[in-house]
Amino acid sequence: MLNKKKQTDSIALQLKQIEDEMQRISLWQMTPPQADAFLSKEPFAIDTMEANEWLQWIFIPRMWALIDANANLPQGFALHPYFEEAFKEQNYEIAQLLQLIEQLDDLSAVKD
């Protein structure tokens, strides 16, 4: 059980670092997308949201909700490849954000 708590604490810290970095590089938005953008059935809501919007308004809040509920967190996800592709033409300083996302992927790896 301690291992799960340590992993959860590490993921929580990583989420906070991602939020801070998004704010630092001005990707953090003050207002959410339109309500219908949240109805997307596509992975990453790719048809209704920008990558940073999905991260801020869907993924991060869902992860915080799971952490707050002491629920099992998803294991073995790989967000980095999507964000690397989605941000490749951004004019923001995204290298640090991509590194933080990759570290989050690593933290989600299934532990034996």
C-alpha atoms as a PDB file:
ATOM      1  CA  MET A   1       0.000   0.000   0.000  1.00  0.00           C
ATOM      2  CA  LEU A   2       2.878   2.353   0.756  1.00  0.00           C
ATOM      3  CA  ASN A   3       4.144   1.964  -2.803  1.00  0.00           C
ATOM      4  CA  LYS A   4       0.759   3.108  -4.157  1.00  0.00           C
ATOM      5  CA  LYS A   5       0.779   6.111  -1.808  1.00  0.00           C
ATOM      6  CA  LYS A   6       4.292   7.048  -2.891  1.00  0.00           C
ATOM      7  CA  GLN A   7       3.308   6.770  -6.560  1.00  0.00           C
ATOM      8  CA  THR A   8       0.165   8.850  -5.948  1.00  0.00           C
ATOM      9  CA  ASP A   9       2.145  11.520  -4.095  1.00  0.00           C
ATOM     10  CA  SER A  10       4.707  11.629  -6.901  1.00  0.00           C
ATOM     11  CA  ILE A  11       1.969  11.973  -9.531  1.00  0.00           C
ATOM     12  CA  ALA A  12       0.297  14.749  -7.517  1.00  0.00           C
ATOM     13  CA  LEU A  13       3.575  16.654  -7.346  1.00  0.00           C
ATOM     14  CA  GLN A  14       4.100  16.135 -11.083  1.00  0.00           C
ATOM     15  CA  LEU A  15       0.588  17.432 -11.880  1.00  0.00           C
ATOM     16  CA  LYS A  16       1.311  20.559  -9.835  1.00  0.00           C
ATOM     17  CA  GLN A  17       4.587  21.080 -11.705  1.00  0.00           C
ATOM     18  CA  ILE A  18       2.763  20.723 -15.041  1.00  0.00           C
ATOM     19  CA  GLU A  19       0.159  23.271 -13.940  1.00  0.00           C
ATOM     20  CA  ASP A  20       2.890  25.677 -12.832  1.00  0.00           C
ATOM     21  CA  GLU A  21       4.779  25.276 -16.098  1.00  0.00           C
ATOM     22  CA  MET A  22       1.637  25.818 -18.170  1.00  0.00           C
ATOM     23  CA  GLN A  23       1.053  29.041 -16.235  1.00  0.00           C
ATOM     24  CA  ARG A  24       4.671  30.110 -16.665  1.00  0.00           C
ATOM     25  CA  ILE A  25       4.517  29.757 -20.456  1.00  0.00           C
ATOM     26  CA  SER A  26       1.015  31.267 -20.716  1.00  0.00           C
ATOM     27  CA  LEU A  27      -0.773  28.074 -21.775  1.00  0.00           C
ATOM     28  CA  TRP A  28      -2.988  28.069 -18.681  1.00  0.00           C
ATOM     29  CA  GLN A  29      -6.415  29.513 -19.463  1.00  0.00           C
ATOM     30  CA  MET A  30      -8.685  31.435 -17.123  1.00  0.00           C
ATOM     31  CA  THR A  31     -11.911  30.408 -18.841  1.00  0.00           C
ATOM     32  CA  PRO A  32     -12.890  26.909 -19.948  1.00  0.00           C
ATOM     33  CA  PRO A  33     -13.786  25.976 -23.509  1.00  0.00           C
ATOM     34  CA  GLN A  34     -17.445  26.022 -24.526  1.00  0.00           C
ATOM     35  CA  ALA A  35     -19.527  23.333 -22.782  1.00  0.00           C
ATOM     36  CA  ASP A  36     -20.039  21.333 -25.991  1.00  0.00           C
ATOM     37  CA  ALA A  37     -16.248  20.949 -26.343  1.00  0.00           C
ATOM     38  CA  PHE A  38     -16.397  18.600 -23.340  1.00  0.00           C
ATOM     39  CA  LEU A  39     -18.798  16.275 -25.188  1.00  0.00           C
ATOM     40  CA  SER A  40     -16.174  15.010 -27.618  1.00  0.00           C
ATOM     41  CA  LYS A  41     -15.873  11.252 -28.021  1.00  0.00           C
ATOM     42  CA  GLU A  42     -12.431  11.526 -29.634  1.00  0.00           C
ATOM     43  CA  PRO A  43      -9.198  10.768 -27.781  1.00  0.00           C
ATOM     44  CA  PHE A  44      -7.813  13.937 -26.194  1.00  0.00           C
ATOM     45  CA  ALA A  45     -10.997  15.711 -27.421  1.00  0.00           C
ATOM     46  CA  ILE A  46      -8.888  16.336 -30.500  1.00  0.00           C
ATOM     47  CA  ASP A  47     -11.906  17.515 -32.494  1.00  0.00           C
ATOM     48  CA  THR A  48     -13.035  20.151 -29.979  1.00  0.00           C
ATOM     49  CA  MET A  49     -10.036  21.258 -27.898  1.00  0.00           C
ATOM     50  CA  GLU A  50      -6.428  22.264 -28.253  1.00  0.00           C
ATOM     51  CA  ALA A  51      -3.966  19.893 -26.576  1.00  0.00           C
ATOM     52  CA  ASN A  52      -3.318  22.286 -23.690  1.00  0.00           C
ATOM     53  CA  GLU A  53      -7.076  22.722 -23.153  1.00  0.00           C
ATOM     54  CA  TRP A  54      -7.593  18.969 -22.852  1.00  0.00           C
ATOM     55  CA  LEU A  55      -4.686  18.744 -20.429  1.00  0.00           C
ATOM     56  CA  GLN A  56      -5.951  21.628 -18.277  1.00  0.00           C
ATOM     57  CA  TRP A  57      -9.694  21.087 -18.377  1.00  0.00           C
ATOM     58  CA  ILE A  58     -10.074  17.303 -18.657  1.00  0.00           C
ATOM     59  CA  PHE A  59      -6.983  15.286 -17.766  1.00  0.00           C
ATOM     60  CA  ILE A  60      -5.619  17.245 -14.810  1.00  0.00           C
ATOM     61  CA  PRO A  61      -9.013  17.709 -13.078  1.00  0.00           C
ATOM     62  CA  ARG A  62      -9.826  14.009 -13.515  1.00  0.00           C
ATOM     63  CA  MET A  63      -6.480  13.027 -12.041  1.00  0.00           C
ATOM     64  CA  TRP A  64      -6.994  15.382  -9.071  1.00  0.00           C
ATOM     65  CA  ALA A  65     -10.482  13.942  -8.548  1.00  0.00           C
ATOM     66  CA  LEU A  66      -9.068  10.408  -8.461  1.00  0.00           C
ATOM     67  CA  ILE A  67      -6.319  11.474  -6.066  1.00  0.00           C
ATOM     68  CA  ASP A  68      -8.807  13.279  -3.804  1.00  0.00           C
ATOM     69  CA  ALA A  69     -11.063  10.195  -3.792  1.00  0.00           C
ATOM     70  CA  ASN A  70      -8.088   7.954  -2.989  1.00  0.00           C
ATOM     71  CA  ALA A  71      -9.066   5.942  -6.080  1.00  0.00           C
ATOM     72  CA  ASN A  72      -6.784   3.889  -8.265  1.00  0.00           C
ATOM     73  CA  LEU A  73      -4.972   6.027 -10.803  1.00  0.00           C
ATOM     74  CA  PRO A  74      -4.661   4.992 -14.437  1.00  0.00           C
ATOM     75  CA  GLN A  75      -1.520   3.016 -15.063  1.00  0.00           C
ATOM     76  CA  GLY A  76       0.809   2.958 -18.028  1.00  0.00           C
ATOM     77  CA  PHE A  77      -0.524   5.910 -19.983  1.00  0.00           C
ATOM     78  CA  ALA A  78       1.583   7.649 -22.611  1.00  0.00           C
ATOM     79  CA  LEU A  79       0.680  11.301 -23.063  1.00  0.00           C
ATOM     80  CA  HIS A  80       4.091  12.495 -24.207  1.00  0.00           C
ATOM     81  CA  PRO A  81       3.909  11.276 -27.841  1.00  0.00           C
ATOM     82  CA  TYR A  82       0.602  13.099 -28.372  1.00  0.00           C
ATOM     83  CA  PHE A  83       1.824  16.333 -26.804  1.00  0.00           C
ATOM     84  CA  GLU A  84       5.142  16.193 -28.633  1.00  0.00           C
ATOM     85  CA  GLU A  85       3.198  16.039 -31.910  1.00  0.00           C
ATOM     86  CA  ALA A  86       0.531  18.542 -30.875  1.00  0.00           C
ATOM     87  CA  PHE A  87       3.054  21.128 -29.707  1.00  0.00           C
ATOM     88  CA  LYS A  88       5.618  20.731 -32.489  1.00  0.00           C
ATOM     89  CA  GLU A  89       4.567  23.984 -34.148  1.00  0.00           C
ATOM     90  CA  GLN A  90       3.926  25.979 -30.980  1.00  0.00           C
ATOM     91  CA  ASN A  91       5.821  29.180 -30.433  1.00  0.00           C
ATOM     92  CA  TYR A  92       5.935  28.576 -26.681  1.00  0.00           C
ATOM     93  CA  GLU A  93       8.883  27.335 -24.670  1.00  0.00           C
ATOM     94  CA  ILE A  94       7.467  23.839 -24.443  1.00  0.00           C
ATOM     95  CA  ALA A  95      10.589  21.736 -23.870  1.00  0.00           C
ATOM     96  CA  GLN A  96      10.204  21.840 -20.074  1.00  0.00           C
ATOM     97  CA  LEU A  97       6.472  21.079 -20.296  1.00  0.00           C
ATOM     98  CA  LEU A  98       7.134  18.098 -22.553  1.00  0.00           C
ATOM     99  CA  GLN A  99       9.752  16.837 -20.118  1.00  0.00           C
ATOM    100  CA  LEU A 100       7.284  17.119 -17.222  1.00  0.00           C
ATOM    101  CA  ILE A 101       4.641  15.231 -19.224  1.00  0.00           C
ATOM    102  CA  GLU A 102       7.152  12.511 -20.070  1.00  0.00           C
ATOM    103  CA  GLN A 103       8.053  12.217 -16.378  1.00  0.00           C
ATOM    104  CA  LEU A 104       4.347  11.898 -15.572  1.00  0.00           C
ATOM    105  CA  ASP A 105       4.112   9.033 -18.084  1.00  0.00           C
ATOM    106  CA  ASP A 106       7.069   7.380 -16.359  1.00  0.00           C
ATOM    107  CA  LEU A 107       5.402   7.752 -12.957  1.00  0.00           C
ATOM    108  CA  SER A 108       2.270   6.051 -14.298  1.00  0.00           C
ATOM    109  CA  ALA A 109       4.215   2.984 -15.412  1.00  0.00           C
ATOM    110  CA  VAL A 110       2.913  -0.250 -13.942  1.00  0.00           C
ATOM    111  CA  LYS A 111       5.137  -1.261 -11.058  1.00  0.00           C
ATOM    112  CA  ASP A 112       5.757  -4.936 -10.315  1.00  0.00           C
END
